[in-house]
PDB file of N, CA and C in Angstrom:
ATOM      1  N   UNK A   1      93.409  91.806 120.577  1.00  0.00           N
ATOM      2  CA  UNK A   1      92.619  91.681 119.375  1.00  0.00           C
ATOM      3  C   UNK A   1      93.169  90.683 118.545  1.00  0.00           C
ATOM      4  N   UNK A   2      92.313  89.887 117.986  1.00  0.00           N
ATOM      5  CA  UNK A   2      92.711  88.724 117.123  1.00  0.00           C
ATOM      6  C   UNK A   2      93.182  89.262 115.769  1.00  0.00           C
ATOM      7  N   UNK A   3      94.336  88.862 115.301  1.00  0.00           N
ATOM      8  CA  UNK A   3      94.908  89.295 114.025  1.00  0.00           C
ATOM      9  C   UNK A   3      94.386  88.430 112.947  1.00  0.00           C
ATOM     10  N   UNK A   4      93.946  87.238 113.168  1.00  0.00           N
ATOM     11  CA  UNK A   4      93.682  86.225 112.165  1.00  0.00           C
ATOM     12  C   UNK A   4      92.504  86.728 111.186  1.00  0.00           C
ATOM     13  N   UNK A   5      91.560  87.543 111.718  1.00  0.00           N
ATOM     14  CA  UNK A   5      90.506  88.047 110.895  1.00  0.00           C
ATOM     15  C   UNK A   5      90.721  89.516 110.433  1.00  0.00           C
ATOM     16  N   UNK A   6      91.959  89.981 110.496  1.00  0.00           N
ATOM     17  CA  UNK A   6      92.308  91.265 110.159  1.00  0.00           C
ATOM     18  C   UNK A   6      93.416  91.225 109.120  1.00  0.00           C
ATOM     19  N   UNK A   7      93.440  92.226 108.185  1.00  0.00           N
ATOM     20  CA  UNK A   7      94.454  92.289 107.192  1.00  0.00           C
ATOM     21  C   UNK A   7      94.977  93.738 107.049  1.00  0.00           C
ATOM     22  N   UNK A   8      96.287  93.971 106.953  1.00  0.00           N
ATOM     23  CA  UNK A   8      96.912  95.179 106.735  1.00  0.00           C
ATOM     24  C   UNK A   8      96.677  95.646 105.290  1.00  0.00           C
ATOM     25  N   UNK A   9      96.361  96.903 105.133  1.00  0.00           N
ATOM     26  CA  UNK A   9      96.171  97.442 103.852  1.00  0.00           C
ATOM     27  C   UNK A   9      97.520  97.422 103.052  1.00  0.00           C
ATOM     28  N   UNK A  10      97.508  97.175 101.849  1.00  0.00           N
ATOM     29  CA  UNK A  10      98.820  97.120 101.002  1.00  0.00           C
ATOM     30  C   UNK A  10      99.555  98.378 100.953  1.00  0.00           C
ATOM     31  N   UNK A  11      98.915  99.534 100.750  1.00  0.00           N
ATOM     32  CA  UNK A  11      99.665 100.786 100.606  1.00  0.00           C
ATOM     33  C   UNK A  11      99.432 101.793 101.732  1.00  0.00           C
ATOM     34  N   UNK A  12      98.355 101.536 102.539  1.00  0.00           N
ATOM     35  CA  UNK A  12      98.018 102.462 103.618  1.00  0.00           C
ATOM     36  C   UNK A  12      98.348 101.939 104.973  1.00  0.00           C
ATOM     37  N   UNK A  13      99.283 101.040 105.093  1.00  0.00           N
ATOM     38  CA  UNK A  13      99.889 100.543 106.326  1.00  0.00           C
ATOM     39  C   UNK A  13     101.407 101.077 106.368  1.00  0.00           C
ATOM     40  N   UNK A  14     101.450 102.265 106.891  1.00  0.00           N
ATOM     41  CA  UNK A  14     102.796 102.900 106.857  1.00  0.00           C
ATOM     42  C   UNK A  14     103.582 102.679 108.103  1.00  0.00           C
ATOM     43  N   UNK A  15     104.802 102.160 107.916  1.00  0.00           N
ATOM     44  CA  UNK A  15     105.582 101.721 109.168  1.00  0.00           C
ATOM     45  C   UNK A  15     105.877 102.946 110.037  1.00  0.00           C
ATOM     46  N   UNK A  16     105.909 104.074 109.549  1.00  0.00           N
ATOM     47  CA  UNK A  16     106.195 105.300 110.412  1.00  0.00           C
ATOM     48  C   UNK A  16     104.965 105.951 110.950  1.00  0.00           C
ATOM     49  N   UNK A  17     103.735 105.250 110.557  1.00  0.00           N
ATOM     50  CA  UNK A  17     102.534 105.838 111.075  1.00  0.00           C
ATOM     51  C   UNK A  17     102.445 105.754 112.562  1.00  0.00           C
ATOM     52  N   UNK A  18     101.636 106.662 113.245  1.00  0.00           N
ATOM     53  CA  UNK A  18     101.567 106.670 114.669  1.00  0.00           C
ATOM     54  C   UNK A  18     100.159 106.481 115.136  1.00  0.00           C
ATOM     55  N   UNK A  19      99.296 105.972 114.283  1.00  0.00           N
ATOM     56  CA  UNK A  19      97.906 105.580 114.726  1.00  0.00           C
ATOM     57  C   UNK A  19      97.416 104.424 113.791  1.00  0.00           C
ATOM     58  N   UNK A  20      96.798 103.421 114.378  1.00  0.00           N
ATOM     59  CA  UNK A  20      96.194 102.355 113.610  1.00  0.00           C
ATOM     60  C   UNK A  20      94.742 102.555 113.573  1.00  0.00           C
ATOM     61  N   UNK A  21      94.098 102.488 112.372  1.00  0.00           N
ATOM     62  CA  UNK A  21      92.684 102.479 112.243  1.00  0.00           C
ATOM     63  C   UNK A  21      92.219 101.142 111.721  1.00  0.00           C
ATOM     64  N   UNK A  22      91.161 100.645 112.378  1.00  0.00           N
ATOM     65  CA  UNK A  22      90.644  99.309 111.899  1.00  0.00           C
ATOM     66  C   UNK A  22      89.166  99.543 111.587  1.00  0.00           C
ATOM     67  N   UNK A  23      88.786  99.055 110.347  1.00  0.00           N
ATOM     68  CA  UNK A  23      87.439  99.174 109.838  1.00  0.00           C
ATOM     69  C   UNK A  23      87.032  97.809 109.252  1.00  0.00           C
ATOM     70  N   UNK A  24      85.647  97.582 109.469  1.00  0.00           N
ATOM     71  CA  UNK A  24      85.183  96.296 108.958  1.00  0.00           C
ATOM     72  C   UNK A  24      85.032  96.224 107.398  1.00  0.00           C
ATOM     73  N   UNK A  25      85.394  94.995 106.884  1.00  0.00           N
ATOM     74  CA  UNK A  25      85.157  94.669 105.497  1.00  0.00           C
ATOM     75  C   UNK A  25      83.781  93.993 105.358  1.00  0.00           C
ATOM     76  N   UNK A  26      83.251  93.926 104.274  1.00  0.00           N
ATOM     77  CA  UNK A  26      81.987  93.199 104.105  1.00  0.00           C
ATOM     78  C   UNK A  26      82.123  91.759 104.259  1.00  0.00           C
ATOM     79  N   UNK A  27      83.299  91.247 104.169  1.00  0.00           N
ATOM     80  CA  UNK A  27      83.503  89.785 104.383  1.00  0.00           C
ATOM     81  C   UNK A  27      83.491  89.406 105.829  1.00  0.00           C
ATOM     82  N   UNK A  28      83.377  90.369 106.711  1.00  0.00           N
ATOM     83  CA  UNK A  28      83.417  90.028 108.145  1.00  0.00           C
ATOM     84  C   UNK A  28      84.851  90.229 108.739  1.00  0.00           C
ATOM     85  N   UNK A  29      85.846  90.362 107.859  1.00  0.00           N
ATOM     86  CA  UNK A  29      87.143  90.587 108.340  1.00  0.00           C
ATOM     87  C   UNK A  29      87.316  92.090 108.575  1.00  0.00           C
ATOM     88  N   UNK A  30      88.554  92.507 109.039  1.00  0.00           N
ATOM     89  CA  UNK A  30      88.785  93.910 109.267  1.00  0.00           C
ATOM     90  C   UNK A  30      89.967  94.304 108.499  1.00  0.00           C
ATOM     91  N   UNK A  31      90.012  95.573 107.976  1.00  0.00           N
ATOM     92  CA  UNK A  31      91.024  96.147 107.212  1.00  0.00           C
ATOM     93  C   UNK A  31      91.812  97.047 108.235  1.00  0.00           C
ATOM     94  N   UNK A  32      93.201  96.979 108.203  1.00  0.00           N
ATOM     95  CA  UNK A  32      94.006  97.669 109.169  1.00  0.00           C
ATOM     96  C   UNK A  32      94.737  98.768 108.368  1.00  0.00           C
ATOM     97  N   UNK A  33      94.676 100.027 108.806  1.00  0.00           N
ATOM     98  CA  UNK A  33      95.434 101.138 108.172  1.00  0.00           C
ATOM     99  C   UNK A  33      96.378 101.663 109.246  1.00  0.00           C
ATOM    100  N   UNK A  34      97.558 101.933 108.894  1.00  0.00           N
ATOM    101  CA  UNK A  34      98.485 102.619 109.814  1.00  0.00           C
ATOM    102  C   UNK A  34      98.928 103.881 109.241  1.00  0.00           C
ATOM    103  N   UNK A  35      98.510 104.990 109.858  1.00  0.00           N
ATOM    104  CA  UNK A  35      98.655 106.313 109.148  1.00  0.00           C
ATOM    105  C   UNK A  35      99.168 107.255 110.310  1.00  0.00           C
ATOM    106  N   UNK A  36      99.016 108.605 110.048  1.00  0.00           N
ATOM    107  CA  UNK A  36      99.547 109.614 110.796  1.00  0.00           C
ATOM    108  C   UNK A  36      98.441 110.424 111.492  1.00  0.00           C
ATOM    109  N   UNK A  37      98.550 110.626 112.792  1.00  0.00           N
ATOM    110  CA  UNK A  37      97.542 111.459 113.506  1.00  0.00           C
ATOM    111  C   UNK A  37      97.530 112.914 112.887  1.00  0.00           C
ATOM    112  N   UNK A  38      98.711 113.404 112.622  1.00  0.00           N
ATOM    113  CA  UNK A  38      98.842 114.837 112.153  1.00  0.00           C
ATOM    114  C   UNK A  38      98.051 115.002 110.807  1.00  0.00           C
ATOM    115  N   UNK A  39      98.189 114.034 109.884  1.00  0.00           N
ATOM    116  CA  UNK A  39      97.424 114.173 108.652  1.00  0.00           C
ATOM    117  C   UNK A  39      95.956 114.099 108.889  1.00  0.00           C
ATOM    118  N   UNK A  40      95.529 113.208 109.675  1.00  0.00           N
ATOM    119  CA  UNK A  40      94.102 113.040 109.996  1.00  0.00           C
ATOM    120  C   UNK A  40      93.592 114.224 110.733  1.00  0.00           C
ATOM    121  N   UNK A  41      94.231 114.702 111.758  1.00  0.00           N
ATOM    122  CA  UNK A  41      93.755 115.845 112.532  1.00  0.00           C
ATOM    123  C   UNK A  41      93.765 117.102 111.666  1.00  0.00           C
ATOM    124  N   UNK A  42      94.743 117.304 110.806  1.00  0.00           N
ATOM    125  CA  UNK A  42      94.750 118.590 109.943  1.00  0.00           C
ATOM    126  C   UNK A  42      93.639 118.589 108.973  1.00  0.00           C
ATOM    127  N   UNK A  43      93.162 117.399 108.491  1.00  0.00           N
ATOM    128  CA  UNK A  43      92.163 117.373 107.427  1.00  0.00           C
ATOM    129  C   UNK A  43      90.758 116.922 107.828  1.00  0.00           C
ATOM    130  N   UNK A  44      90.562 116.501 109.167  1.00  0.00           N
ATOM    131  CA  UNK A  44      89.297 116.019 109.501  1.00  0.00           C
ATOM    132  C   UNK A  44      88.960 116.444 110.921  1.00  0.00           C
ATOM    133  N   UNK A  45      87.934 117.291 111.066  1.00  0.00           N
ATOM    134  CA  UNK A  45      87.478 117.715 112.422  1.00  0.00           C
ATOM    135  C   UNK A  45      87.044 116.558 113.226  1.00  0.00           C
ATOM    136  N   UNK A  46      86.518 115.479 112.559  1.00  0.00           N
ATOM    137  CA  UNK A  46      86.076 114.353 113.286  1.00  0.00           C
ATOM    138  C   UNK A  46      87.263 113.558 113.877  1.00  0.00           C
ATOM    139  N   UNK A  47      88.290 113.379 113.141  1.00  0.00           N
ATOM    140  CA  UNK A  47      89.531 112.741 113.768  1.00  0.00           C
ATOM    141  C   UNK A  47      90.137 113.641 114.763  1.00  0.00           C
ATOM    142  N   UNK A  48      90.169 114.920 114.547  1.00  0.00           N
ATOM    143  CA  UNK A  48      90.688 115.936 115.397  1.00  0.00           C
ATOM    144  C   UNK A  48      90.069 115.853 116.780  1.00  0.00           C
ATOM    145  N   UNK A  49      88.715 115.744 116.794  1.00  0.00           N
ATOM    146  CA  UNK A  49      87.956 115.653 118.028  1.00  0.00           C
ATOM    147  C   UNK A  49      88.170 114.338 118.717  1.00  0.00           C
ATOM    148  N   UNK A  50      88.311 113.269 117.925  1.00  0.00           N
ATOM    149  CA  UNK A  50      88.584 111.953 118.608  1.00  0.00           C
ATOM    150  C   UNK A  50      89.892 111.985 119.361  1.00  0.00           C
ATOM    151  N   UNK A  51      90.914 112.564 118.751  1.00  0.00           N
ATOM    152  CA  UNK A  51      92.236 112.561 119.399  1.00  0.00           C
ATOM    153  C   UNK A  51      92.205 113.583 120.568  1.00  0.00           C
ATOM    154  N   UNK A  52      91.300 114.523 120.695  1.00  0.00           N
ATOM    155  CA  UNK A  52      91.281 115.441 121.725  1.00  0.00           C
ATOM    156  C   UNK A  52      90.402 115.010 122.884  1.00  0.00           C
ATOM    157  N   UNK A  53      89.726 113.845 122.774  1.00  0.00           N
ATOM    158  CA  UNK A  53      88.774 113.513 123.908  1.00  0.00           C
ATOM    159  C   UNK A  53      89.628 113.208 125.161  1.00  0.00           C
ATOM    160  N   UNK A  54      89.193 113.835 126.273  1.00  0.00           N
ATOM    161  CA  UNK A  54      89.851 113.538 127.503  1.00  0.00           C
ATOM    162  C   UNK A  54      89.969 112.062 127.799  1.00  0.00           C
ATOM    163  N   UNK A  55      91.140 111.644 128.223  1.00  0.00           N
ATOM    164  CA  UNK A  55      91.362 110.138 128.532  1.00  0.00           C
ATOM    165  C   UNK A  55      91.824 109.401 127.282  1.00  0.00           C
ATOM    166  N   UNK A  56      91.755 109.948 126.102  1.00  0.00           N
ATOM    167  CA  UNK A  56      92.225 109.246 124.942  1.00  0.00           C
ATOM    168  C   UNK A  56      93.641 109.673 124.681  1.00  0.00           C
ATOM    169  N   UNK A  57      94.520 109.218 125.490  1.00  0.00           N
ATOM    170  CA  UNK A  57      95.897 109.491 125.374  1.00  0.00           C
ATOM    171  C   UNK A  57      96.598 108.220 124.922  1.00  0.00           C
ATOM    172  N   UNK A  58      97.796 108.374 124.282  1.00  0.00           N
ATOM    173  CA  UNK A  58      98.473 107.137 123.734  1.00  0.00           C
ATOM    174  C   UNK A  58      98.563 106.062 124.811  1.00  0.00           C
ATOM    175  N   UNK A  59      98.985 106.414 126.006  1.00  0.00           N
ATOM    176  CA  UNK A  59      99.237 105.388 126.999  1.00  0.00           C
ATOM    177  C   UNK A  59      97.873 104.678 127.443  1.00  0.00           C
ATOM    178  N   UNK A  60      96.812 105.291 127.274  1.00  0.00           N
ATOM    179  CA  UNK A  60      95.560 104.714 127.706  1.00  0.00           C
ATOM    180  C   UNK A  60      94.792 103.952 126.671  1.00  0.00           C
ATOM    181  N   UNK A  61      95.181 104.128 125.386  1.00  0.00           N
ATOM    182  CA  UNK A  61      94.479 103.550 124.248  1.00  0.00           C
ATOM    183  C   UNK A  61      94.931 102.122 124.043  1.00  0.00           C
ATOM    184  N   UNK A  62      94.010 101.322 123.468  1.00  0.00           N
ATOM    185  CA  UNK A  62      94.370  99.984 123.048  1.00  0.00           C
ATOM    186  C   UNK A  62      95.498 100.126 121.973  1.00  0.00           C
ATOM    187  N   UNK A  63      96.420  99.194 121.840  1.00  0.00           N
ATOM    188  CA  UNK A  63      97.498  99.313 120.957  1.00  0.00           C
ATOM    189  C   UNK A  63      97.432  98.109 119.926  1.00  0.00           C
ATOM    190  N   UNK A  64      98.045  98.399 118.805  1.00  0.00           N
ATOM    191  CA  UNK A  64      98.234  97.446 117.668  1.00  0.00           C
ATOM    192  C   UNK A  64      99.542  97.706 117.079  1.00  0.00           C
ATOM    193  N   UNK A  65     100.381  96.753 117.037  1.00  0.00           N
ATOM    194  CA  UNK A  65     101.722  96.878 116.453  1.00  0.00           C
ATOM    195  C   UNK A  65     102.538  98.020 117.211  1.00  0.00           C
ATOM    196  N   UNK A  66     102.252  98.247 118.462  1.00  0.00           N
ATOM    197  CA  UNK A  66     102.994  99.263 119.219  1.00  0.00           C
ATOM    198  C   UNK A  66     102.469 100.663 119.187  1.00  0.00           C
ATOM    199  N   UNK A  67     101.368 100.947 118.411  1.00  0.00           N
ATOM    200  CA  UNK A  67     100.793 102.295 118.293  1.00  0.00           C
ATOM    201  C   UNK A  67      99.359 102.257 118.679  1.00  0.00           C
ATOM    202  N   UNK A  68      98.766 103.445 119.062  1.00  0.00           N
ATOM    203  CA  UNK A  68      97.416 103.491 119.460  1.00  0.00           C
ATOM    204  C   UNK A  68      96.451 102.992 118.354  1.00  0.00           C
ATOM    205  N   UNK A  69      95.334 102.433 118.819  1.00  0.00           N
ATOM    206  CA  UNK A  69      94.407 101.829 117.949  1.00  0.00           C
ATOM    207  C   UNK A  69      93.067 102.458 117.996  1.00  0.00           C
ATOM    208  N   UNK A  70      92.395 102.765 116.866  1.00  0.00           N
ATOM    209  CA  UNK A  70      91.043 103.335 116.846  1.00  0.00           C
ATOM    210  C   UNK A  70      90.222 102.389 115.917  1.00  0.00           C
ATOM    211  N   UNK A  71      89.139 101.845 116.521  1.00  0.00           N
ATOM    212  CA  UNK A  71      88.295 100.958 115.671  1.00  0.00           C
ATOM    213  C   UNK A  71      87.057 101.872 115.249  1.00  0.00           C
ATOM    214  N   UNK A  72      86.801 101.815 113.989  1.00  0.00           N
ATOM    215  CA  UNK A  72      85.728 102.643 113.370  1.00  0.00           C
ATOM    216  C   UNK A  72      84.586 101.753 112.925  1.00  0.00           C
ATOM    217  N   UNK A  73      83.354 102.233 113.095  1.00  0.00           N
ATOM    218  CA  UNK A  73      82.223 101.515 112.545  1.00  0.00           C
ATOM    219  C   UNK A  73      82.087 101.613 111.053  1.00  0.00           C
ATOM    220  N   UNK A  74      82.716 102.660 110.487  1.00  0.00           N
ATOM    221  CA  UNK A  74      82.586 102.925 109.093  1.00  0.00           C
ATOM    222  C   UNK A  74      83.232 101.789 108.249  1.00  0.00           C
ATOM    223  N   UNK A  75      82.721 101.532 107.118  1.00  0.00           N
ATOM    224  CA  UNK A  75      83.231 100.498 106.290  1.00  0.00           C
ATOM    225  C   UNK A  75      84.603 100.738 105.796  1.00  0.00           C
ATOM    226  N   UNK A  76      85.428  99.670 105.599  1.00  0.00           N
ATOM    227  CA  UNK A  76      86.830  99.764 105.232  1.00  0.00           C
ATOM    228  C   UNK A  76      87.005 100.485 103.897  1.00  0.00           C
ATOM    229  N   UNK A  77      86.012 100.221 102.955  1.00  0.00           N
ATOM    230  CA  UNK A  77      86.156 100.853 101.600  1.00  0.00           C
ATOM    231  C   UNK A  77      85.952 102.438 101.761  1.00  0.00           C
ATOM    232  N   UNK A  78      85.113 102.872 102.603  1.00  0.00           N
ATOM    233  CA  UNK A  78      84.925 104.220 102.869  1.00  0.00           C
ATOM    234  C   UNK A  78      86.129 104.923 103.484  1.00  0.00           C
ATOM    235  N   UNK A  79      86.659 104.207 104.494  1.00  0.00           N
ATOM    236  CA  UNK A  79      87.886 104.681 105.203  1.00  0.00           C
ATOM    237  C   UNK A  79      89.016 104.731 104.154  1.00  0.00           C
ATOM    238  N   UNK A  80      89.173 103.723 103.403  1.00  0.00           N
ATOM    239  CA  UNK A  80      90.181 103.663 102.370  1.00  0.00           C
ATOM    240  C   UNK A  80      90.177 104.871 101.462  1.00  0.00           C
ATOM    241  N   UNK A  81      88.935 105.110 100.988  1.00  0.00           N
ATOM    242  CA  UNK A  81      88.726 106.221 100.054  1.00  0.00           C
ATOM    243  C   UNK A  81      89.115 107.596 100.652  1.00  0.00           C
ATOM    244  N   UNK A  82      88.763 107.820 101.932  1.00  0.00           N
ATOM    245  CA  UNK A  82      89.122 108.963 102.588  1.00  0.00           C
ATOM    246  C   UNK A  82      90.686 109.125 102.795  1.00  0.00           C
ATOM    247  N   UNK A  83      91.296 107.979 103.190  1.00  0.00           N
ATOM    248  CA  UNK A  83      92.753 107.992 103.355  1.00  0.00           C
ATOM    249  C   UNK A  83      93.481 108.211 102.035  1.00  0.00           C
ATOM    250  N   UNK A  84      92.966 107.659 100.901  1.00  0.00           N
ATOM    251  CA  UNK A  84      93.621 107.815  99.570  1.00  0.00           C
ATOM    252  C   UNK A  84      93.560 109.297  99.176  1.00  0.00           C
ATOM    253  N   UNK A  85      92.479 110.010  99.474  1.00  0.00           N
ATOM    254  CA  UNK A  85      92.407 111.394  99.235  1.00  0.00           C
ATOM    255  C   UNK A  85      93.488 112.133 100.068  1.00  0.00           C
ATOM    256  N   UNK A  86      93.551 111.840 101.356  1.00  0.00           N
ATOM    257  CA  UNK A  86      94.412 112.569 102.219  1.00  0.00           C
ATOM    258  C   UNK A  86      95.800 112.281 101.905  1.00  0.00           C
ATOM    259  N   UNK A  87      96.178 111.111 101.460  1.00  0.00           N
ATOM    260  CA  UNK A  87      97.543 110.716 101.131  1.00  0.00           C
ATOM    261  C   UNK A  87      97.818 110.853  99.594  1.00  0.00           C
ATOM    262  N   UNK A  88      96.921 111.448  98.883  1.00  0.00           N
ATOM    263  CA  UNK A  88      97.065 111.721  97.450  1.00  0.00           C
ATOM    264  C   UNK A  88      97.388 110.442  96.691  1.00  0.00           C
ATOM    265  N   UNK A  89      96.696 109.341  96.936  1.00  0.00           N
ATOM    266  CA  UNK A  89      96.824 108.027  96.268  1.00  0.00           C
ATOM    267  C   UNK A  89      95.735 107.991  95.242  1.00  0.00           C
ATOM    268  N   UNK A  90      95.971 107.280  94.159  1.00  0.00           N
ATOM    269  CA  UNK A  90      94.890 107.019  93.201  1.00  0.00           C
ATOM    270  C   UNK A  90      94.203 105.803  93.597  1.00  0.00           C
TER     271      UNK A  90
END
């Protein structure tokens, strides 16, 4: 995956995160979030089901910065809003 058209989020790219989520920006670039599967699974049945799909195991998934990568069709602003709520950010 090309990193030149992607940018890590300022506060939601957590070095101890164990999943990377990439979502499109309206500029055509992509926003990169590095967060925690446990937080997502606990609070979102959608993410919980994504992580439970047979064959979607860490060793089989595409990686970014050494951790599994999930590309979402949802806009980066919407993903950011969800993550801010889950991580209690303003």
